[in-house]
Amino acid sequence: MTHDEKLHYQSLLDILVTDSLTPLFQPIISMKDNKIYGYEGLIRGPSDGPLHSPINLFNAAAKYDRLAELDLLCRKVSIQRFGELNLNARLFINTIPEILLQKDYQHGHTLKYIKDSNLDASQVVIELTEQYPIEDYDLMASATKYYQDMGFSIAIDDLGAGYSGLRTWSEIKPDFVKIDRHFLNDIHNDINKQKFVQSIVDIAKGVDCKVIGEGIELRGEYLQANAMAIDYAQGFYFARPNSKPTELLDCSLFSSRKNNFKPKFNIERSDNTAAKLLFYVKPIYTHTKFYDIGERFQSSPELTALPVLNDDATVAGVIWRTEFLTIYASRYGKELNSKKMLYLF
């Protein structure tokens, strides 16, 4: 065992013994009511340790065969904290399906945590996250029905990113499906993603299942999701995960784009004209490489946008710094896209 492996293993044992996990909560928004419908509970390890990241945390638990213990502890701290916050909403908690299938898994503890926190099972939605393929669908359906019979709701997380999402959907008959963030990313500019998501929405309506769109970060993504009648939405556009989550959202998030400017009369005009505010920005072209755009933005932090021209010098559009860096700074975003040209985005 290497030094890092020993460090991870000891950190994992300490976490399991001391319950030293921090639950964060991110709002899930009702697109119909423009209000918070629920919160997804997300877990972080100790901030000063090697397992702060949930990826590192769960990888270590899987490596040392402690997933079941960690899964139960995540439920415990999330439910307890949610009860302390006294949020009048639903709580979505994640679990790995194969954990539910283990013969020695302690199913009754979840209900106990809920009762001890003065919550009701009807407030809790169990999200099934496919990290590994499901081999026994009959047993999986039986395990989830066990929870539904106790009053819990069931959701399939990251639909479209797992091993067999559609089959899992048809076999388990969940109450919610959460569309993976990949399909909501830039959906307002991608007709293929729109068709894919619309097909999910149509299927869901036919089987009495609610759809949640994950990873909505841009206003355009929200407007497109709303236009497609997605039931609920979640993402940084509304709020980031927080240990003390917001209970009220800014109503301007849901408004349509309107020019609310009202001119004022009989006031002294500023001598700052539009011409004085203008400054030159060297344009980029539709054939400019993704990597080169990233270099421009990184070397010029004052730039909020770059003008884009066609090869014949006609205007193609504008690329915004924040939207570009959302892709550029994402996991593997730079590596996967560096050689692509701008017109592909």
Protein backbone atom coordinates (compact mmCIF):
# COMPACT_ATOMS: atom_id res chain seq x y z
CA MET A 1 0.00 0.00 0.00
CA THR A 2 1.46 3.36 -1.06
CA HIS A 3 1.68 6.39 1.21
CA ASP A 4 -1.34 8.01 -0.52
CA GLU A 5 -3.34 4.79 -0.28
CA LYS A 6 -2.62 4.55 3.44
CA LEU A 7 -3.61 8.19 3.84
CA HIS A 8 -6.90 7.64 2.00
CA TYR A 9 -7.67 4.47 3.92
CA GLN A 10 -7.03 6.05 7.31
CA SER A 11 -9.04 9.13 6.34
CA LEU A 12 -11.94 6.90 5.29
CA LEU A 13 -11.86 5.01 8.60
CA ASP A 14 -11.83 8.29 10.55
CA ILE A 15 -14.83 9.55 8.57
CA LEU A 16 -16.82 6.37 9.22
CA VAL A 17 -16.03 6.46 12.95
CA THR A 18 -16.58 10.18 13.56
CA ASP A 19 -19.39 10.88 11.02
CA SER A 20 -17.24 13.74 9.72
CA LEU A 21 -19.14 14.45 6.51
CA THR A 22 -20.69 17.75 5.51
CA PRO A 23 -24.02 17.72 3.66
CA LEU A 24 -24.72 20.48 1.16
CA PHE A 25 -28.11 21.15 -0.39
CA GLN A 26 -28.94 22.42 -3.87
CA PRO A 27 -32.46 23.58 -4.74
CA ILE A 28 -34.63 21.77 -7.28
CA ILE A 29 -37.02 24.22 -8.89
CA SER A 30 -40.62 23.72 -9.99
CA MET A 31 -40.78 25.16 -13.49
CA LYS A 32 -44.55 25.51 -13.20
CA ASP A 33 -44.63 27.40 -9.91
CA ASN A 34 -41.20 29.12 -10.10
CA LYS A 35 -40.57 27.97 -6.54
CA ILE A 36 -38.25 25.58 -4.74
CA TYR A 37 -39.73 22.08 -4.82
CA GLY A 38 -36.94 20.21 -3.08
CA TYR A 39 -33.22 19.98 -2.36
CA GLU A 40 -30.65 17.43 -3.41
CA GLY A 41 -28.34 16.40 -0.59
CA LEU A 42 -24.69 16.39 -1.68
CA ILE A 43 -21.79 15.16 0.43
CA ARG A 44 -18.32 16.54 1.06
CA GLY A 45 -15.55 14.98 3.14
CA PRO A 46 -13.40 16.93 5.63
CA SER A 47 -12.14 20.09 3.96
CA ASP A 48 -8.59 19.56 5.24
CA GLY A 49 -8.36 15.92 4.15
CA PRO A 50 -7.65 13.96 0.95
CA LEU A 51 -11.26 12.75 0.69
CA HIS A 52 -12.98 16.13 0.56
CA SER A 53 -14.04 15.48 -3.03
CA PRO A 54 -17.01 13.07 -3.31
CA ILE A 55 -15.24 11.34 -6.21
CA ASN A 56 -12.20 10.56 -4.06
CA LEU A 57 -14.41 9.67 -1.13
CA PHE A 58 -16.54 7.10 -2.94
CA ASN A 59 -13.61 5.71 -4.90
CA ALA A 60 -11.81 5.01 -1.64
CA ALA A 61 -14.91 3.40 -0.13
CA ALA A 62 -15.31 1.16 -3.19
CA LYS A 63 -11.63 0.23 -3.18
CA TYR A 64 -11.70 -0.85 0.47
CA ASP A 65 -15.16 -2.45 0.36
CA ARG A 66 -16.83 0.12 2.63
CA LEU A 67 -19.43 1.50 0.21
CA ALA A 68 -22.41 0.23 2.19
CA GLU A 69 -21.19 1.92 5.38
CA LEU A 70 -20.46 5.17 3.59
CA ASP A 71 -23.82 5.13 1.79
CA LEU A 72 -25.67 4.72 5.07
CA LEU A 73 -23.62 7.46 6.74
CA CYS A 74 -24.36 9.86 3.87
CA ARG A 75 -28.06 9.26 4.36
CA LYS A 76 -27.77 9.74 8.09
CA VAL A 77 -25.98 13.11 8.03
CA SER A 78 -28.08 14.43 5.12
CA ILE A 79 -31.39 13.56 6.77
CA GLN A 80 -30.33 14.85 10.19
CA ARG A 81 -29.11 18.16 8.80
CA PHE A 82 -32.18 18.57 6.61
CA GLY A 83 -34.36 18.07 9.68
CA GLU A 84 -32.37 20.70 11.58
CA LEU A 85 -32.79 23.21 8.76
CA ASN A 86 -36.57 22.65 8.87
CA LEU A 87 -36.94 23.18 5.13
CA ASN A 88 -40.49 22.81 3.88
CA ALA A 89 -39.56 20.81 0.79
CA ARG A 90 -38.56 17.38 -0.45
CA LEU A 91 -35.13 15.89 0.19
CA PHE A 92 -33.40 14.00 -2.64
CA ILE A 93 -30.66 11.65 -1.41
CA ASN A 94 -28.33 9.58 -3.57
CA THR A 95 -27.63 5.88 -3.31
CA ILE A 96 -25.87 3.33 -5.50
CA PRO A 97 -28.30 0.62 -6.69
CA GLU A 98 -26.01 -2.34 -5.98
CA ILE A 99 -25.86 -1.26 -2.33
CA LEU A 100 -29.60 -1.89 -1.99
CA LEU A 101 -29.09 -5.43 -3.32
CA GLN A 102 -26.59 -6.50 -0.68
CA LYS A 103 -28.08 -9.11 1.62
CA ASP A 104 -26.70 -7.48 4.76
CA TYR A 105 -27.73 -3.92 3.84
CA GLN A 106 -29.59 -2.32 6.74
CA HIS A 107 -32.73 -0.97 5.07
CA GLY A 108 -34.58 -0.02 8.25
CA HIS A 109 -32.07 2.63 9.29
CA THR A 110 -33.23 5.17 6.71
CA LEU A 111 -36.75 5.20 8.13
CA LYS A 112 -35.32 5.55 11.65
CA TYR A 113 -33.21 8.57 10.65
CA ILE A 114 -36.30 10.19 9.15
CA LYS A 115 -38.45 9.65 12.22
CA ASP A 116 -35.68 10.89 14.53
CA SER A 117 -35.46 14.06 12.43
CA ASN A 118 -39.24 14.66 12.57
CA LEU A 119 -39.58 14.11 8.84
CA ASP A 120 -41.95 11.91 6.88
CA ALA A 121 -41.02 9.28 4.30
CA SER A 122 -43.17 11.11 1.76
CA GLN A 123 -40.69 14.01 1.91
CA VAL A 124 -37.76 11.86 0.82
CA VAL A 125 -36.78 10.85 -2.71
CA ILE A 126 -34.12 8.18 -3.13
CA GLU A 127 -31.98 8.76 -6.21
CA LEU A 128 -30.44 5.71 -7.86
CA THR A 129 -27.09 6.57 -9.42
CA GLU A 130 -25.75 4.05 -11.94
CA GLN A 131 -22.01 3.77 -11.42
CA TYR A 132 -21.98 0.08 -12.21
CA PRO A 133 -24.29 -2.07 -14.39
CA ILE A 134 -27.37 -3.61 -12.78
CA GLU A 135 -27.31 -7.38 -13.24
CA ASP A 136 -30.53 -8.43 -11.51
CA TYR A 137 -33.42 -6.17 -12.50
CA ASP A 138 -36.05 -8.25 -10.70
CA LEU A 139 -34.19 -7.89 -7.43
CA MET A 140 -33.62 -4.18 -8.08
CA ALA A 141 -37.32 -3.62 -8.76
CA SER A 142 -38.17 -5.50 -5.58
CA ALA A 143 -35.75 -3.42 -3.50
CA THR A 144 -37.07 -0.10 -4.82
CA LYS A 145 -40.69 -1.19 -4.37
CA TYR A 146 -39.83 -1.89 -0.73
CA TYR A 147 -39.00 1.79 -0.31
CA GLN A 148 -41.99 2.99 -2.30
CA ASP A 149 -44.30 0.90 -0.13
CA MET A 150 -42.90 2.72 2.92
CA GLY A 151 -43.79 6.08 1.37
CA PHE A 152 -40.49 7.05 -0.25
CA SER A 153 -40.31 8.21 -3.86
CA ILE A 154 -37.70 6.89 -6.30
CA ALA A 155 -35.68 8.82 -8.88
CA ILE A 156 -33.20 7.68 -11.52
CA ASP A 157 -30.22 10.01 -11.53
CA ASP A 158 -28.15 11.01 -14.58
CA LEU A 159 -30.44 9.43 -17.17
CA GLY A 160 -28.43 9.07 -20.36
CA ALA A 161 -25.05 8.76 -18.66
CA GLY A 162 -25.36 5.32 -17.04
CA TYR A 163 -25.17 1.81 -18.37
CA SER A 164 -28.78 1.06 -19.20
CA GLY A 165 -30.93 4.03 -18.25
CA LEU A 166 -33.99 3.27 -20.36
CA ARG A 167 -34.20 -0.33 -19.19
CA THR A 168 -33.75 0.74 -15.60
CA TRP A 169 -36.54 3.27 -16.12
CA SER A 170 -38.93 0.67 -17.54
CA GLU A 171 -38.13 -1.99 -14.93
CA ILE A 172 -38.13 0.16 -11.80
CA LYS A 173 -40.95 2.58 -12.70
CA PRO A 174 -39.52 5.57 -10.78
CA ASP A 175 -41.42 8.68 -9.76
CA PHE A 176 -38.73 10.98 -11.23
CA VAL A 177 -36.03 10.81 -13.86
CA LYS A 178 -33.14 13.29 -13.81
CA ILE A 179 -31.70 14.03 -17.23
CA ASP A 180 -27.91 14.08 -17.18
CA ARG A 181 -26.36 17.55 -17.33
CA HIS A 182 -24.65 16.74 -20.65
CA PHE A 183 -27.97 17.00 -22.46
CA LEU A 184 -28.91 20.34 -20.86
CA ASN A 185 -25.53 21.94 -21.49
CA ASP A 186 -26.03 24.52 -24.27
CA ILE A 187 -29.35 22.87 -25.19
CA HIS A 188 -30.71 26.18 -26.50
CA ASN A 189 -28.12 26.03 -29.28
CA ASP A 190 -28.25 22.30 -30.04
CA ILE A 191 -31.23 20.92 -31.97
CA ASN A 192 -30.13 17.30 -31.45
CA LYS A 193 -30.11 17.71 -27.67
CA GLN A 194 -33.52 19.33 -27.87
CA LYS A 195 -34.91 16.34 -29.76
CA PHE A 196 -33.37 13.90 -27.31
CA VAL A 197 -34.69 15.70 -24.24
CA GLN A 198 -38.11 16.19 -25.81
CA SER A 199 -38.37 12.44 -26.36
CA ILE A 200 -37.65 11.86 -22.66
CA VAL A 201 -40.29 14.40 -21.67
CA ASP A 202 -42.82 12.71 -23.96
CA ILE A 203 -42.06 9.25 -22.55
CA ALA A 204 -42.31 10.53 -18.99
CA LYS A 205 -45.75 11.99 -19.59
CA GLY A 206 -46.93 8.63 -20.92
CA VAL A 207 -45.80 6.73 -17.82
CA ASP A 208 -46.75 9.34 -15.19
CA CYS A 209 -43.16 10.22 -14.32
CA LYS A 210 -41.74 13.68 -13.60
CA VAL A 211 -38.62 15.00 -15.35
CA ILE A 212 -35.82 16.96 -13.69
CA GLY A 213 -33.23 18.75 -15.82
CA GLU A 214 -29.79 18.82 -14.17
CA GLY A 215 -26.88 21.18 -14.65
CA ILE A 216 -28.71 24.28 -15.88
CA GLU A 217 -26.17 27.09 -15.68
CA LEU A 218 -27.17 29.59 -18.36
CA ARG A 219 -30.32 31.61 -18.87
CA GLY A 220 -30.71 30.21 -22.37
CA GLU A 221 -30.67 26.68 -20.98
CA TYR A 222 -33.36 27.58 -18.47
CA LEU A 223 -35.58 29.23 -21.10
CA GLN A 224 -35.24 26.23 -23.42
CA ALA A 225 -36.00 23.75 -20.63
CA ASN A 226 -39.04 25.78 -19.64
CA ALA A 227 -40.28 25.90 -23.23
CA MET A 228 -40.00 22.11 -23.45
CA ALA A 229 -42.25 21.62 -20.40
CA ILE A 230 -39.59 20.00 -18.21
CA ASP A 231 -41.18 19.67 -14.78
CA TYR A 232 -38.26 20.60 -12.54
CA ALA A 233 -34.79 22.09 -12.95
CA GLN A 234 -31.56 22.19 -10.98
CA GLY A 235 -28.25 23.95 -11.51
CA PHE A 236 -25.94 26.88 -10.80
CA TYR A 237 -28.29 29.22 -12.68
CA PHE A 238 -30.63 29.03 -9.69
CA ALA A 239 -28.25 28.35 -6.79
CA ARG A 240 -25.08 26.52 -5.87
CA PRO A 241 -24.97 23.76 -3.23
CA ASN A 242 -24.67 25.21 0.24
CA SER A 243 -24.70 23.97 3.81
CA LYS A 244 -27.30 26.68 4.50
CA PRO A 245 -29.30 26.69 1.28
CA THR A 246 -31.47 29.51 0.10
CA GLU A 247 -35.21 29.25 0.65
CA LEU A 248 -36.21 32.09 -1.66
CA LEU A 249 -35.10 32.70 -5.24
CA ASP A 250 -34.71 35.98 -7.07
CA CYS A 251 -37.88 36.36 -9.15
CA SER A 252 -35.86 37.91 -11.97
CA LEU A 253 -34.47 34.43 -12.72
CA PHE A 254 -37.86 33.49 -14.14
CA SER A 255 -38.71 36.66 -16.04
CA SER A 256 -38.60 36.90 -19.82
CA ARG A 257 -36.02 39.14 -21.41
CA LYS A 258 -37.53 42.61 -21.52
CA ASN A 259 -36.18 46.09 -21.82
CA ASN A 260 -37.36 47.71 -18.62
CA PHE A 261 -35.43 50.94 -19.24
CA LYS A 262 -37.52 54.04 -18.68
CA PRO A 263 -35.96 57.29 -19.92
CA LYS A 264 -35.64 60.12 -17.46
CA PHE A 265 -36.45 63.62 -18.63
CA ASN A 266 -35.29 67.09 -17.61
CA ILE A 267 -31.99 65.89 -16.19
CA GLU A 268 -28.50 66.93 -17.11
CA ARG A 269 -27.04 64.60 -19.72
CA SER A 270 -23.65 63.03 -19.25
CA ASP A 271 -20.93 63.97 -21.71
CA ASN A 272 -20.01 60.27 -21.97
CA THR A 273 -21.18 59.24 -25.41
CA ALA A 274 -21.24 55.76 -26.87
CA ALA A 275 -18.23 56.67 -29.00
CA LYS A 276 -16.19 57.42 -25.89
CA LEU A 277 -17.05 54.06 -24.38
CA LEU A 278 -15.96 52.06 -27.43
CA PHE A 279 -12.61 50.27 -27.58
CA TYR A 280 -11.09 47.98 -30.18
CA VAL A 281 -10.97 44.19 -29.69
CA LYS A 282 -9.13 42.07 -32.20
CA PRO A 283 -11.70 39.62 -33.62
CA ILE A 284 -11.47 35.86 -33.91
CA TYR A 285 -12.78 33.76 -36.78
CA THR A 286 -15.07 30.78 -37.11
CA HIS A 287 -12.01 28.65 -37.90
CA THR A 288 -10.13 29.78 -34.76
CA LYS A 289 -9.18 26.82 -32.58
CA PHE A 290 -10.75 26.26 -29.17
CA TYR A 291 -7.32 26.28 -27.51
CA ASP A 292 -6.42 29.67 -29.01
CA ILE A 293 -9.66 31.20 -27.73
CA GLY A 294 -8.86 29.97 -24.25
CA GLU A 295 -5.42 31.56 -24.48
CA ARG A 296 -7.00 34.90 -25.49
CA PHE A 297 -9.35 34.95 -22.54
CA GLN A 298 -6.70 33.80 -20.06
CA SER A 299 -4.16 36.37 -21.19
CA SER A 300 -6.73 39.20 -21.21
CA PRO A 301 -8.83 38.99 -18.02
CA GLU A 302 -10.56 42.29 -18.88
CA LEU A 303 -12.25 40.75 -21.94
CA THR A 304 -15.88 39.82 -21.40
CA ALA A 305 -16.47 38.75 -24.99
CA LEU A 306 -14.82 38.31 -28.37
CA PRO A 307 -16.32 39.28 -31.76
CA VAL A 308 -16.43 36.43 -34.27
CA LEU A 309 -16.09 36.95 -38.03
CA ASN A 310 -16.61 34.69 -41.00
CA ASP A 311 -13.75 34.21 -43.46
CA ASP A 312 -15.19 36.96 -45.65
CA ALA A 313 -15.05 39.38 -42.66
CA THR A 314 -18.82 39.46 -42.17
CA VAL A 315 -20.09 39.22 -38.60
CA ALA A 316 -20.77 35.68 -37.34
CA GLY A 317 -21.56 36.52 -33.73
CA VAL A 318 -20.08 36.96 -30.27
CA ILE A 319 -18.53 34.44 -27.91
CA TRP A 320 -18.98 35.30 -24.23
CA ARG A 321 -16.21 34.70 -21.73
CA THR A 322 -18.38 33.10 -19.02
CA GLU A 323 -20.11 30.68 -21.38
CA PHE A 324 -16.84 29.71 -23.07
CA LEU A 325 -15.03 29.13 -19.78
CA THR A 326 -17.91 26.93 -18.57
CA ILE A 327 -16.79 24.43 -21.21
CA TYR A 328 -13.08 25.26 -21.12
CA ALA A 329 -12.74 24.84 -17.35
CA SER A 330 -14.94 21.75 -17.09
CA ARG A 331 -13.43 18.35 -16.44
CA TYR A 332 -11.43 17.36 -19.55
CA GLY A 333 -13.05 20.28 -21.43
CA LYS A 334 -9.75 21.74 -22.54
CA GLU A 335 -8.23 18.39 -23.49
CA LEU A 336 -11.23 17.13 -25.45
CA ASN A 337 -11.87 20.31 -27.42
CA SER A 338 -8.48 22.03 -27.83
CA LYS A 339 -8.08 21.20 -31.53
CA LYS A 340 -11.69 21.88 -32.53
CA MET A 341 -12.58 25.02 -34.42
CA LEU A 342 -15.04 27.60 -33.16
CA TYR A 343 -17.73 26.95 -35.76
CA LEU A 344 -18.31 23.52 -34.12
CA PHE A 345 -19.61 25.20 -30.96
